[in-house]
């Protein structure tokens, strides 16, 4: 009877560790995706802020 209890406990511990590892991997993936999206948003924000105002740069002023 003790052998079965030890095996059940070991199986439960292994399952819990596997579940914890899977959760940690999922958190790492979500974090990496979030950081990538944040980098994209920052890049787009920089491009938008650097763009000339509307009406500027549309034509070349040869008299300038």
Protein backbone atom coordinates (compact mmCIF):
# COMPACT_ATOMS: atom_id res chain seq x y z
CA UNK A 1 0.00 0.00 0.00
CA UNK A 2 2.85 2.39 0.80
CA UNK A 3 4.39 1.87 -2.62
CA UNK A 4 1.18 3.01 -4.30
CA UNK A 5 0.98 6.12 -2.10
CA UNK A 6 4.60 6.99 -2.89
CA UNK A 7 3.98 6.53 -6.60
CA UNK A 8 0.81 8.64 -6.48
CA UNK A 9 2.65 11.39 -4.60
CA UNK A 10 5.57 11.30 -7.03
CA UNK A 11 3.20 11.41 -9.97
CA UNK A 12 1.33 14.35 -8.45
CA UNK A 13 4.57 16.23 -7.79
CA UNK A 14 5.80 15.62 -11.34
CA UNK A 15 2.47 16.79 -12.76
CA UNK A 16 2.58 19.96 -10.63
CA UNK A 17 6.15 20.71 -11.72
CA UNK A 18 5.24 20.13 -15.35
CA UNK A 19 2.24 22.42 -15.00
CA UNK A 20 4.38 25.11 -13.34
CA UNK A 21 6.97 24.85 -16.12
CA UNK A 22 4.28 25.10 -18.79
CA UNK A 23 2.79 28.16 -17.08
CA UNK A 24 6.22 29.81 -16.81
CA UNK A 25 6.81 29.21 -20.53
CA UNK A 26 3.41 30.69 -21.40
CA UNK A 27 4.13 33.77 -19.28
CA UNK A 28 7.50 34.20 -20.99
CA UNK A 29 5.86 33.98 -24.44
CA UNK A 30 3.17 36.51 -23.52
CA UNK A 31 5.83 38.85 -22.11
CA UNK A 32 7.96 38.56 -25.27
CA UNK A 33 4.92 39.25 -27.48
CA UNK A 34 4.01 42.28 -25.37
CA UNK A 35 7.55 43.67 -25.61
CA UNK A 36 7.55 43.18 -29.40
CA UNK A 37 4.21 44.96 -29.73
CA UNK A 38 5.44 47.79 -27.50
CA UNK A 39 8.57 48.18 -29.65
CA UNK A 40 6.40 48.35 -32.79
CA UNK A 41 4.14 51.00 -31.23
CA UNK A 42 7.17 53.07 -30.19
CA UNK A 43 8.65 52.80 -33.68
CA UNK A 44 5.39 53.93 -35.30
CA UNK A 45 5.07 56.75 -32.75
CA UNK A 46 8.57 58.01 -33.59
CA UNK A 47 7.81 57.93 -37.32
CA UNK A 48 4.54 59.81 -36.87
CA UNK A 49 6.18 62.47 -34.71
CA UNK A 50 9.01 62.91 -37.24
CA UNK A 51 6.67 63.33 -40.23
CA UNK A 52 6.29 66.87 -41.59
CA UNK A 53 3.00 68.63 -40.96
CA UNK A 54 0.30 68.26 -43.62
CA UNK A 55 0.97 70.40 -46.70
CA UNK A 56 4.69 70.57 -46.05
CA UNK A 57 7.04 68.65 -48.30
CA UNK A 58 4.41 67.98 -50.94
CA UNK A 59 6.01 70.33 -53.51
CA UNK A 60 9.51 71.57 -54.17
CA UNK A 61 9.81 75.35 -53.90
CA UNK A 62 12.35 76.22 -56.59
CA UNK A 63 12.39 79.88 -55.54
CA UNK A 64 13.70 79.11 -52.05
